[in-house]
Amino acid sequence: MVARRIARMIEENAGRPEWHLPSERELAEELQVSRTVVREAVIALEMRGLVEVRGRAGIVVLPTRPNQLGFDAINTDIGPGPFELLEARLAVESGAAYLAAQRATNYDIMELEECISRMQPDTGAVPSSEKGDREFHMTIANITGNAIIVSMVEALWAQRDASRMWKRLHEHIHDESVRPMWIGDHHAIVAALKMRNPEAAHKAMARHITNIINELLQADERGRFMDNEDTT
């Protein structure tokens, strides 16, 4: 919806050479939505070839092409945005951690620690750490013993893997630079589970996913700036 509103804004001002698209912060204020929603909308516009983000230049409107994909065409929805998925994970997985703290066994704790060990830098390529990360969160879901929670967490991760917008956002993410923070977050979650403290587990998981949201925003901005520097 926000992407369509921005697209209409571009169309309405197409005949004004002096006009430029407001910054993401200004768009968030004008459209009365969060900055993460605007970021997802801008990514959607980029994927349709309507705009390009160029570092200090901001969001640049690209020349219209004859075969440009429109928002009113059938089947052009590219699914939930990465921040929308993370918001859902924040709600579901924090609750899962709360239940897991009440039900975790020593064997469960050992499994989670093994997942963390697979995220370490010395384990090799990034796909290995990604697998360890997913296994960690799925293990917590399984610890709850609640089949609905397990299916919800599994579905959220499956949507993340299938998301074109997530892949686009990850073009600017450098996993090696943020992995130590992710590992620290996972250790904090396990520590809360070891103490069998539901409130602490809920907070640790919520803090972890909030850290992901904030880091993705910052890393995307850094990546866009670097991409712009490389082309100048």
C-alpha atoms as a PDB file:
ATOM      1  CA  MET A   1       0.000   0.000   0.000  1.00  0.00           C
ATOM      2  CA  VAL A   2       2.790   2.438   0.900  1.00  0.00           C
ATOM      3  CA  ALA A   3       4.724   1.500  -2.243  1.00  0.00           C
ATOM      4  CA  ARG A   4       1.636   2.289  -4.337  1.00  0.00           C
ATOM      5  CA  ARG A   5       1.240   5.659  -2.604  1.00  0.00           C
ATOM      6  CA  ILE A   6       4.861   6.543  -3.333  1.00  0.00           C
ATOM      7  CA  ALA A   7       4.447   5.347  -6.942  1.00  0.00           C
ATOM      8  CA  ARG A   8       1.416   7.614  -7.333  1.00  0.00           C
ATOM      9  CA  MET A   9       3.423  10.488  -5.853  1.00  0.00           C
ATOM     10  CA  ILE A  10       6.087   9.895  -8.523  1.00  0.00           C
ATOM     11  CA  GLU A  11       3.473   9.729 -11.290  1.00  0.00           C
ATOM     12  CA  GLU A  12       1.731  12.936 -10.148  1.00  0.00           C
ATOM     13  CA  ASN A  13       5.010  14.872 -10.181  1.00  0.00           C
ATOM     14  CA  ALA A  14       6.437  13.346 -13.377  1.00  0.00           C
ATOM     15  CA  GLY A  15       6.085  16.638 -15.269  1.00  0.00           C
ATOM     16  CA  ARG A  16       8.002  18.699 -12.705  1.00  0.00           C
ATOM     17  CA  PRO A  17      11.774  18.547 -13.423  1.00  0.00           C
ATOM     18  CA  GLU A  18      12.610  20.376 -10.178  1.00  0.00           C
ATOM     19  CA  TRP A  19      10.708  17.852  -8.022  1.00  0.00           C
ATOM     20  CA  HIS A  20      12.564  15.113  -6.172  1.00  0.00           C
ATOM     21  CA  LEU A  21      11.309  12.285  -3.992  1.00  0.00           C
ATOM     22  CA  PRO A  22      11.544  13.022  -0.239  1.00  0.00           C
ATOM     23  CA  SER A  23      13.967  11.048   1.922  1.00  0.00           C
ATOM     24  CA  GLU A  24      12.843   7.888   3.699  1.00  0.00           C
ATOM     25  CA  ARG A  25      12.550   9.788   6.971  1.00  0.00           C
ATOM     26  CA  GLU A  26      10.433  12.500   5.326  1.00  0.00           C
ATOM     27  CA  LEU A  27       8.259   9.901   3.600  1.00  0.00           C
ATOM     28  CA  ALA A  28       7.681   8.133   6.927  1.00  0.00           C
ATOM     29  CA  GLU A  29       6.496  11.400   8.477  1.00  0.00           C
ATOM     30  CA  GLU A  30       4.354  12.393   5.496  1.00  0.00           C
ATOM     31  CA  LEU A  31       2.724   8.976   5.096  1.00  0.00           C
ATOM     32  CA  GLN A  32       2.493   8.434   8.877  1.00  0.00           C
ATOM     33  CA  VAL A  33       4.129   5.017   8.879  1.00  0.00           C
ATOM     34  CA  SER A  34       7.309   3.620  10.403  1.00  0.00           C
ATOM     35  CA  ARG A  35      10.644   3.979   8.674  1.00  0.00           C
ATOM     36  CA  THR A  36      10.908   0.196   8.268  1.00  0.00           C
ATOM     37  CA  VAL A  37       7.644   0.193   6.292  1.00  0.00           C
ATOM     38  CA  VAL A  38       9.027   2.939   4.036  1.00  0.00           C
ATOM     39  CA  ARG A  39      12.257   0.946   3.595  1.00  0.00           C
ATOM     40  CA  GLU A  40      10.276  -2.094   2.438  1.00  0.00           C
ATOM     41  CA  ALA A  41       8.249   0.078   0.068  1.00  0.00           C
ATOM     42  CA  VAL A  42      11.424   1.571  -1.421  1.00  0.00           C
ATOM     43  CA  ILE A  43      12.894  -1.918  -1.925  1.00  0.00           C
ATOM     44  CA  ALA A  44       9.671  -2.916  -3.708  1.00  0.00           C
ATOM     45  CA  LEU A  45       9.971   0.157  -5.943  1.00  0.00           C
ATOM     46  CA  GLU A  46      13.626  -0.673  -6.666  1.00  0.00           C
ATOM     47  CA  MET A  47      12.677  -4.216  -7.657  1.00  0.00           C
ATOM     48  CA  ARG A  48      10.159  -2.808 -10.108  1.00  0.00           C
ATOM     49  CA  GLY A  49      12.749  -0.462 -11.599  1.00  0.00           C
ATOM     50  CA  LEU A  50      10.974   2.731 -10.526  1.00  0.00           C
ATOM     51  CA  VAL A  51      13.637   4.147  -8.205  1.00  0.00           C
ATOM     52  CA  GLU A  52      17.230   3.671  -7.143  1.00  0.00           C
ATOM     53  CA  VAL A  53      18.835   4.624  -3.838  1.00  0.00           C
ATOM     54  CA  ARG A  54      22.171   6.369  -4.437  1.00  0.00           C
ATOM     55  CA  GLY A  55      23.894   7.171  -1.146  1.00  0.00           C
ATOM     56  CA  ARG A  56      23.923  10.889  -0.433  1.00  0.00           C
ATOM     57  CA  ALA A  57      21.709  11.561  -3.466  1.00  0.00           C
ATOM     58  CA  GLY A  58      18.884   9.703  -1.756  1.00  0.00           C
ATOM     59  CA  ILE A  59      16.037   8.050  -3.641  1.00  0.00           C
ATOM     60  CA  VAL A  60      16.373   8.809  -7.345  1.00  0.00           C
ATOM     61  CA  VAL A  61      13.397   8.334  -9.685  1.00  0.00           C
ATOM     62  CA  LEU A  62      14.460   6.362 -12.763  1.00  0.00           C
ATOM     63  CA  PRO A  63      13.264   7.083 -16.322  1.00  0.00           C
ATOM     64  CA  THR A  64      10.060   5.239 -17.201  1.00  0.00           C
ATOM     65  CA  ARG A  65      10.507   2.182 -19.412  1.00  0.00           C
ATOM     66  CA  PRO A  66       7.799   0.842 -21.761  1.00  0.00           C
ATOM     67  CA  ASN A  67       7.797  -2.599 -20.096  1.00  0.00           C
ATOM     68  CA  GLN A  68       8.036  -1.309 -16.536  1.00  0.00           C
ATOM     69  CA  LEU A  69       6.047  -3.425 -14.099  1.00  0.00           C
ATOM     70  CA  GLY A  70       3.040  -1.605 -12.676  1.00  0.00           C
ATOM     71  CA  PHE A  71       1.489  -2.028  -9.255  1.00  0.00           C
ATOM     72  CA  ASP A  72      -1.977  -2.632 -10.652  1.00  0.00           C
ATOM     73  CA  ALA A  73      -0.924  -5.616 -12.764  1.00  0.00           C
ATOM     74  CA  ILE A  74      -2.155  -9.069 -11.733  1.00  0.00           C
ATOM     75  CA  ASN A  75       0.096 -11.221  -9.528  1.00  0.00           C
ATOM     76  CA  THR A  76       2.732  -8.544  -8.887  1.00  0.00           C
ATOM     77  CA  ASP A  77       2.613  -8.855  -5.083  1.00  0.00           C
ATOM     78  CA  ILE A  78       6.101  -9.840  -3.913  1.00  0.00           C
ATOM     79  CA  GLY A  79       4.910 -11.025  -0.503  1.00  0.00           C
ATOM     80  CA  PRO A  80       5.666  -9.909   3.052  1.00  0.00           C
ATOM     81  CA  GLY A  81       8.606  -7.563   3.525  1.00  0.00           C
ATOM     82  CA  PRO A  82      11.655  -8.539   5.624  1.00  0.00           C
ATOM     83  CA  PHE A  83      10.769  -6.175   8.452  1.00  0.00           C
ATOM     84  CA  GLU A  84       7.191  -7.430   8.488  1.00  0.00           C
ATOM     85  CA  LEU A  85       8.509 -10.979   8.829  1.00  0.00           C
ATOM     86  CA  LEU A  86      10.849  -9.920  11.633  1.00  0.00           C
ATOM     87  CA  GLU A  87       7.988  -8.208  13.437  1.00  0.00           C
ATOM     88  CA  ALA A  88       6.025 -11.468  13.280  1.00  0.00           C
ATOM     89  CA  ARG A  89       9.051 -13.391  14.540  1.00  0.00           C
ATOM     90  CA  LEU A  90       9.385 -10.903  17.398  1.00  0.00           C
ATOM     91  CA  ALA A  91       5.832 -11.704  18.505  1.00  0.00           C
ATOM     92  CA  VAL A  92       5.918 -15.466  17.976  1.00  0.00           C
ATOM     93  CA  GLU A  93       9.469 -16.439  18.919  1.00  0.00           C
ATOM     94  CA  SER A  94       9.607 -14.319  22.070  1.00  0.00           C
ATOM     95  CA  GLY A  95       6.540 -16.184  23.300  1.00  0.00           C
ATOM     96  CA  ALA A  96       8.125 -19.475  22.266  1.00  0.00           C
ATOM     97  CA  ALA A  97      11.226 -18.655  24.325  1.00  0.00           C
ATOM     98  CA  TYR A  98       8.978 -17.911  27.323  1.00  0.00           C
ATOM     99  CA  LEU A  99       7.405 -21.384  27.113  1.00  0.00           C
ATOM    100  CA  ALA A 100      10.707 -23.084  26.323  1.00  0.00           C
ATOM    101  CA  ALA A 101      12.239 -21.737  29.553  1.00  0.00           C
ATOM    102  CA  GLN A 102       9.556 -23.617  31.484  1.00  0.00           C
ATOM    103  CA  ARG A 103      10.001 -26.885  29.597  1.00  0.00           C
ATOM    104  CA  ALA A 104      13.654 -27.163  28.521  1.00  0.00           C
ATOM    105  CA  THR A 105      15.635 -30.231  29.575  1.00  0.00           C
ATOM    106  CA  ASN A 106      19.406 -30.469  29.966  1.00  0.00           C
ATOM    107  CA  TYR A 107      19.494 -32.309  26.637  1.00  0.00           C
ATOM    108  CA  ASP A 108      17.617 -29.418  24.992  1.00  0.00           C
ATOM    109  CA  ILE A 109      20.187 -26.957  26.355  1.00  0.00           C
ATOM    110  CA  MET A 110      22.984 -29.126  24.942  1.00  0.00           C
ATOM    111  CA  GLU A 111      21.309 -29.141  21.516  1.00  0.00           C
ATOM    112  CA  LEU A 112      21.036 -25.333  21.549  1.00  0.00           C
ATOM    113  CA  GLU A 113      24.709 -24.987  22.491  1.00  0.00           C
ATOM    114  CA  GLU A 114      25.638 -27.255  19.572  1.00  0.00           C
ATOM    115  CA  CYS A 115      23.629 -24.997  17.257  1.00  0.00           C
ATOM    116  CA  ILE A 116      25.598 -21.994  18.521  1.00  0.00           C
ATOM    117  CA  SER A 117      28.882 -23.816  17.919  1.00  0.00           C
ATOM    118  CA  ARG A 118      27.889 -24.177  14.256  1.00  0.00           C
ATOM    119  CA  MET A 119      27.533 -20.381  14.020  1.00  0.00           C
ATOM    120  CA  GLN A 120      31.147 -19.726  15.035  1.00  0.00           C
ATOM    121  CA  PRO A 121      33.485 -18.098  12.445  1.00  0.00           C
ATOM    122  CA  ASP A 122      35.834 -21.106  12.415  1.00  0.00           C
ATOM    123  CA  THR A 123      33.094 -23.435  11.183  1.00  0.00           C
ATOM    124  CA  GLY A 124      33.537 -22.290   7.600  1.00  0.00           C
ATOM    125  CA  ALA A 125      31.161 -20.687   5.144  1.00  0.00           C
ATOM    126  CA  VAL A 126      28.189 -18.481   5.924  1.00  0.00           C
ATOM    127  CA  PRO A 127      25.591 -21.117   4.825  1.00  0.00           C
ATOM    128  CA  SER A 128      26.790 -23.298   7.732  1.00  0.00           C
ATOM    129  CA  SER A 129      26.143 -20.486  10.239  1.00  0.00           C
ATOM    130  CA  GLU A 130      22.761 -19.781   8.621  1.00  0.00           C
ATOM    131  CA  LYS A 131      21.795 -23.420   9.113  1.00  0.00           C
ATOM    132  CA  GLY A 132      22.917 -23.323  12.750  1.00  0.00           C
ATOM    133  CA  ASP A 133      20.881 -20.162  13.311  1.00  0.00           C
ATOM    134  CA  ARG A 134      17.719 -21.679  11.857  1.00  0.00           C
ATOM    135  CA  GLU A 135      18.206 -24.922  13.793  1.00  0.00           C
ATOM    136  CA  PHE A 136      18.609 -22.899  17.006  1.00  0.00           C
ATOM    137  CA  HIS A 137      15.277 -21.138  16.587  1.00  0.00           C
ATOM    138  CA  MET A 138      13.470 -24.275  15.441  1.00  0.00           C
ATOM    139  CA  THR A 139      14.864 -26.159  18.456  1.00  0.00           C
ATOM    140  CA  ILE A 140      13.378 -23.557  20.802  1.00  0.00           C
ATOM    141  CA  ALA A 141      10.033 -23.922  19.016  1.00  0.00           C
ATOM    142  CA  ASN A 142      10.233 -27.709  19.413  1.00  0.00           C
ATOM    143  CA  ILE A 143      11.080 -27.381  23.110  1.00  0.00           C
ATOM    144  CA  THR A 144       7.696 -25.713  23.691  1.00  0.00           C
ATOM    145  CA  GLY A 145       6.000 -28.980  22.728  1.00  0.00           C
ATOM    146  CA  ASN A 146       3.327 -26.907  20.975  1.00  0.00           C
ATOM    147  CA  ALA A 147       2.733 -28.086  17.404  1.00  0.00           C
ATOM    148  CA  ILE A 148       1.064 -24.813  16.399  1.00  0.00           C
ATOM    149  CA  ILE A 149       4.045 -22.745  17.557  1.00  0.00           C
ATOM    150  CA  VAL A 150       6.405 -25.104  15.707  1.00  0.00           C
ATOM    151  CA  SER A 151       4.415 -24.740  12.471  1.00  0.00           C
ATOM    152  CA  MET A 152       4.256 -20.941  12.857  1.00  0.00           C
ATOM    153  CA  VAL A 153       8.009 -20.572  13.385  1.00  0.00           C
ATOM    154  CA  GLU A 154       8.724 -22.966  10.527  1.00  0.00           C
ATOM    155  CA  ALA A 155       6.391 -21.006   8.242  1.00  0.00           C
ATOM    156  CA  LEU A 156       8.025 -17.682   9.127  1.00  0.00           C
ATOM    157  CA  TRP A 157      11.501 -19.005   8.315  1.00  0.00           C
ATOM    158  CA  ALA A 158      10.226 -20.575   5.091  1.00  0.00           C
ATOM    159  CA  GLN A 159       8.729 -17.225   4.067  1.00  0.00           C
ATOM    160  CA  ARG A 160      12.023 -15.520   4.839  1.00  0.00           C
ATOM    161  CA  ASP A 161      13.904 -17.971   2.605  1.00  0.00           C
ATOM    162  CA  ALA A 162      11.397 -17.444  -0.218  1.00  0.00           C
ATOM    163  CA  SER A 163      11.249 -13.652   0.107  1.00  0.00           C
ATOM    164  CA  ARG A 164      12.635 -11.758  -2.885  1.00  0.00           C
ATOM    165  CA  MET A 165      12.764  -8.616  -0.750  1.00  0.00           C
ATOM    166  CA  TRP A 166      14.831 -10.390   1.926  1.00  0.00           C
ATOM    167  CA  LYS A 167      17.343 -11.474  -0.725  1.00  0.00           C
ATOM    168  CA  ARG A 168      17.478  -7.915  -2.074  1.00  0.00           C
ATOM    169  CA  LEU A 169      18.083  -6.466   1.381  1.00  0.00           C
ATOM    170  CA  HIS A 170      20.843  -9.005   2.028  1.00  0.00           C
ATOM    171  CA  GLU A 171      22.833  -7.660  -0.892  1.00  0.00           C
ATOM    172  CA  HIS A 172      24.019  -5.016   1.582  1.00  0.00           C
ATOM    173  CA  ILE A 173      24.499  -7.284   4.594  1.00  0.00           C
ATOM    174  CA  HIS A 174      27.938  -8.547   5.594  1.00  0.00           C
ATOM    175  CA  ASP A 175      27.360 -11.534   7.895  1.00  0.00           C
ATOM    176  CA  GLU A 176      30.940 -11.726   9.172  1.00  0.00           C
ATOM    177  CA  SER A 177      30.708  -8.253  10.711  1.00  0.00           C
ATOM    178  CA  VAL A 178      27.525  -8.924  12.676  1.00  0.00           C
ATOM    179  CA  ARG A 179      27.971 -12.606  13.514  1.00  0.00           C
ATOM    180  CA  PRO A 180      29.674 -11.966  16.913  1.00  0.00           C
ATOM    181  CA  MET A 181      26.661  -9.947  18.065  1.00  0.00           C
ATOM    182  CA  TRP A 182      24.242 -12.626  16.864  1.00  0.00           C
ATOM    183  CA  ILE A 183      26.237 -15.305  18.716  1.00  0.00           C
ATOM    184  CA  GLY A 184      26.212 -13.212  21.897  1.00  0.00           C
ATOM    185  CA  ASP A 185      22.434 -12.832  21.606  1.00  0.00           C
ATOM    186  CA  HIS A 186      22.017 -16.595  21.271  1.00  0.00           C
ATOM    187  CA  HIS A 187      24.187 -17.228  24.327  1.00  0.00           C
ATOM    188  CA  ALA A 188      21.990 -14.821  26.318  1.00  0.00           C
ATOM    189  CA  ILE A 189      18.881 -16.757  25.276  1.00  0.00           C
ATOM    190  CA  VAL A 190      20.435 -20.064  26.337  1.00  0.00           C
ATOM    191  CA  ALA A 191      21.543 -18.560  29.671  1.00  0.00           C
ATOM    192  CA  ALA A 192      17.930 -17.565  30.390  1.00  0.00           C
ATOM    193  CA  LEU A 193      16.723 -21.061  29.482  1.00  0.00           C
ATOM    194  CA  LYS A 194      19.350 -22.605  31.766  1.00  0.00           C
ATOM    195  CA  MET A 195      17.997 -20.496  34.642  1.00  0.00           C
ATOM    196  CA  ARG A 196      14.467 -21.641  33.714  1.00  0.00           C
ATOM    197  CA  ASN A 197      13.507 -17.956  33.719  1.00  0.00           C
ATOM    198  CA  PRO A 198      10.619 -17.331  31.261  1.00  0.00           C
ATOM    199  CA  GLU A 199      10.695 -13.514  31.556  1.00  0.00           C
ATOM    200  CA  ALA A 200      14.441 -13.367  30.911  1.00  0.00           C
ATOM    201  CA  ALA A 201      14.104 -15.756  27.952  1.00  0.00           C
ATOM    202  CA  HIS A 202      11.316 -13.630  26.461  1.00  0.00           C
ATOM    203  CA  LYS A 203      13.407 -10.467  26.840  1.00  0.00           C
ATOM    204  CA  ALA A 204      16.567 -12.093  25.437  1.00  0.00           C
ATOM    205  CA  MET A 205      14.750 -13.325  22.320  1.00  0.00           C
ATOM    206  CA  ALA A 206      12.986  -9.975  21.835  1.00  0.00           C
ATOM    207  CA  ARG A 207      16.310  -8.152  22.180  1.00  0.00           C
ATOM    208  CA  HIS A 208      17.924 -10.479  19.628  1.00  0.00           C
ATOM    209  CA  ILE A 209      15.263  -9.935  16.958  1.00  0.00           C
ATOM    210  CA  THR A 210      15.175  -6.191  17.658  1.00  0.00           C
ATOM    211  CA  ASN A 211      18.957  -6.152  17.153  1.00  0.00           C
ATOM    212  CA  ILE A 212      18.464  -7.861  13.784  1.00  0.00           C
ATOM    213  CA  ILE A 213      15.934  -5.219  12.707  1.00  0.00           C
ATOM    214  CA  ASN A 214      18.232  -2.360  13.728  1.00  0.00           C
ATOM    215  CA  GLU A 215      21.334  -3.934  12.172  1.00  0.00           C
ATOM    216  CA  LEU A 216      19.566  -4.629   8.878  1.00  0.00           C
ATOM    217  CA  LEU A 217      18.505  -0.997   8.642  1.00  0.00           C
ATOM    218  CA  GLN A 218      22.032   0.264   9.396  1.00  0.00           C
ATOM    219  CA  ALA A 219      23.808  -2.304   7.206  1.00  0.00           C
ATOM    220  CA  ASP A 220      21.480  -1.574   4.298  1.00  0.00           C
ATOM    221  CA  GLU A 221      22.297   2.132   4.592  1.00  0.00           C
ATOM    222  CA  ARG A 222      26.039   1.391   4.756  1.00  0.00           C
ATOM    223  CA  GLY A 223      25.783  -0.953   1.774  1.00  0.00           C
ATOM    224  CA  ARG A 224      23.883   1.562  -0.324  1.00  0.00           C
ATOM    225  CA  PHE A 225      26.445   4.247   0.480  1.00  0.00           C
ATOM    226  CA  MET A 226      29.334   1.943  -0.438  1.00  0.00           C
ATOM    227  CA  ASP A 227      27.609   0.921  -3.682  1.00  0.00           C
ATOM    228  CA  ASN A 228      27.214   4.587  -4.559  1.00  0.00           C
ATOM    229  CA  GLU A 229      30.885   5.325  -3.769  1.00  0.00           C
ATOM    230  CA  ASP A 230      31.967   2.442  -6.006  1.00  0.00           C
ATOM    231  CA  THR A 231      30.079   3.870  -8.975  1.00  0.00           C
ATOM    232  CA  THR A 232      31.409   7.454  -8.639  1.00  0.00           C
END
